[in-house]
Amino acid sequence: MKFQKLSEFIKFVIRLLVIIWLLVLGNGNMGYTADIGEELKLYPGEVKIISVNNPTRIAIGNPEIADVIRVTKNEITLSPKNVGTT
């Protein structure tokens, strides 16, 4: 990879560091943290554990599609029931 200017190289390094931070350092426990509005794709029979920090409210739009099966101060466990969107 060739860089025409030093500024291009610096931008490349910054982007690389941000990507590394997001992949490795962004979540200290290397788990999954869902952001509001983030899409999760689950398949019937699959169980998904989501790392959280003291959840105060959990909403499932269509309980025929997915359900919350366990909540702790650090994790929410989701289980899809049917194919669909919620």
Protein backbone atom coordinates (compact mmCIF):
# COMPACT_ATOMS: atom_id res chain seq x y z
CA MET A 1 0.00 0.00 0.00
CA LYS A 2 1.49 3.33 -1.09
CA PHE A 3 0.77 6.64 0.61
CA GLN A 4 1.19 9.84 -1.37
CA LYS A 5 1.44 12.09 1.68
CA LEU A 6 2.26 11.78 5.35
CA SER A 7 -1.28 12.97 6.18
CA GLU A 8 -2.76 9.99 4.30
CA PHE A 9 -0.56 7.66 6.31
CA ILE A 10 -1.60 9.30 9.59
CA LYS A 11 -5.30 9.01 8.65
CA PHE A 12 -4.76 5.35 7.81
CA VAL A 13 -3.08 4.66 11.16
CA ILE A 14 -5.85 6.46 13.07
CA ARG A 15 -8.53 4.45 11.25
CA LEU A 16 -6.66 1.24 11.94
CA LEU A 17 -6.37 2.06 15.64
CA VAL A 18 -10.08 2.87 15.85
CA ILE A 19 -10.96 -0.45 14.22
CA ILE A 20 -8.68 -2.32 16.62
CA TRP A 21 -10.19 -0.46 19.57
CA LEU A 22 -13.72 -1.30 18.44
CA LEU A 23 -12.91 -4.96 17.89
CA VAL A 24 -10.73 -5.64 20.90
CA LEU A 25 -10.77 -2.89 23.49
CA GLY A 26 -14.26 -1.47 22.99
CA ASN A 27 -15.82 -4.02 25.33
CA GLY A 28 -13.58 -5.10 28.18
CA ASN A 29 -15.13 -8.55 28.57
CA MET A 30 -14.99 -9.32 24.83
CA GLY A 31 -18.72 -10.00 24.96
CA TYR A 32 -21.55 -8.44 23.04
CA THR A 33 -23.13 -5.12 23.86
CA ALA A 34 -26.25 -4.13 21.97
CA ASP A 35 -26.88 -0.48 21.25
CA ILE A 36 -30.35 0.94 20.94
CA GLY A 37 -31.58 0.31 17.42
CA GLU A 38 -28.90 -2.26 16.64
CA GLU A 39 -30.15 -5.25 14.67
CA LEU A 40 -29.63 -8.77 15.97
CA LYS A 41 -30.15 -11.78 13.74
CA LEU A 42 -31.10 -14.90 15.64
CA TYR A 43 -32.35 -18.25 14.47
CA PRO A 44 -35.02 -20.44 16.12
CA GLY A 45 -33.40 -22.63 18.74
CA GLU A 46 -30.44 -20.28 19.19
CA VAL A 47 -29.90 -18.57 22.54
CA LYS A 48 -28.17 -15.18 22.62
CA ILE A 49 -26.56 -13.75 25.76
CA ILE A 50 -26.08 -10.00 25.59
CA SER A 51 -23.72 -8.23 27.98
CA VAL A 52 -25.34 -5.22 29.61
CA ASN A 53 -24.76 -2.83 32.47
CA ASN A 54 -27.71 -2.75 34.89
CA PRO A 55 -30.63 -2.85 32.43
CA THR A 56 -33.66 -0.88 33.57
CA ARG A 57 -36.10 -1.71 30.79
CA ILE A 58 -36.35 -4.45 28.18
CA ALA A 59 -39.00 -4.51 25.46
CA ILE A 60 -39.84 -7.22 22.94
CA GLY A 61 -42.18 -5.88 20.27
CA ASN A 62 -43.67 -9.24 19.30
CA PRO A 63 -43.37 -11.96 21.98
CA GLU A 64 -44.43 -14.59 19.43
CA ILE A 65 -41.10 -14.00 17.63
CA ALA A 66 -38.63 -13.76 20.55
CA ASP A 67 -38.60 -13.74 24.31
CA VAL A 68 -36.34 -12.69 27.16
CA ILE A 69 -35.62 -15.78 29.22
CA ARG A 70 -33.23 -14.36 31.83
CA VAL A 71 -32.12 -10.95 33.07
CA THR A 72 -29.29 -10.17 35.46
CA LYS A 73 -27.42 -6.94 36.15
CA ASN A 74 -24.78 -8.04 33.60
CA GLU A 75 -26.65 -10.11 31.01
CA ILE A 76 -29.88 -10.49 29.08
CA THR A 77 -30.63 -13.89 27.57
CA LEU A 78 -32.79 -13.89 24.43
CA SER A 79 -34.43 -16.83 22.76
CA PRO A 80 -36.07 -16.62 19.31
CA LYS A 81 -39.34 -18.53 18.97
CA ASN A 82 -40.36 -18.07 15.34
CA VAL A 83 -39.16 -16.54 12.10
CA GLY A 84 -39.97 -12.85 11.90
CA THR A 85 -39.00 -9.40 13.05
CA THR A 86 -39.52 -7.79 16.42
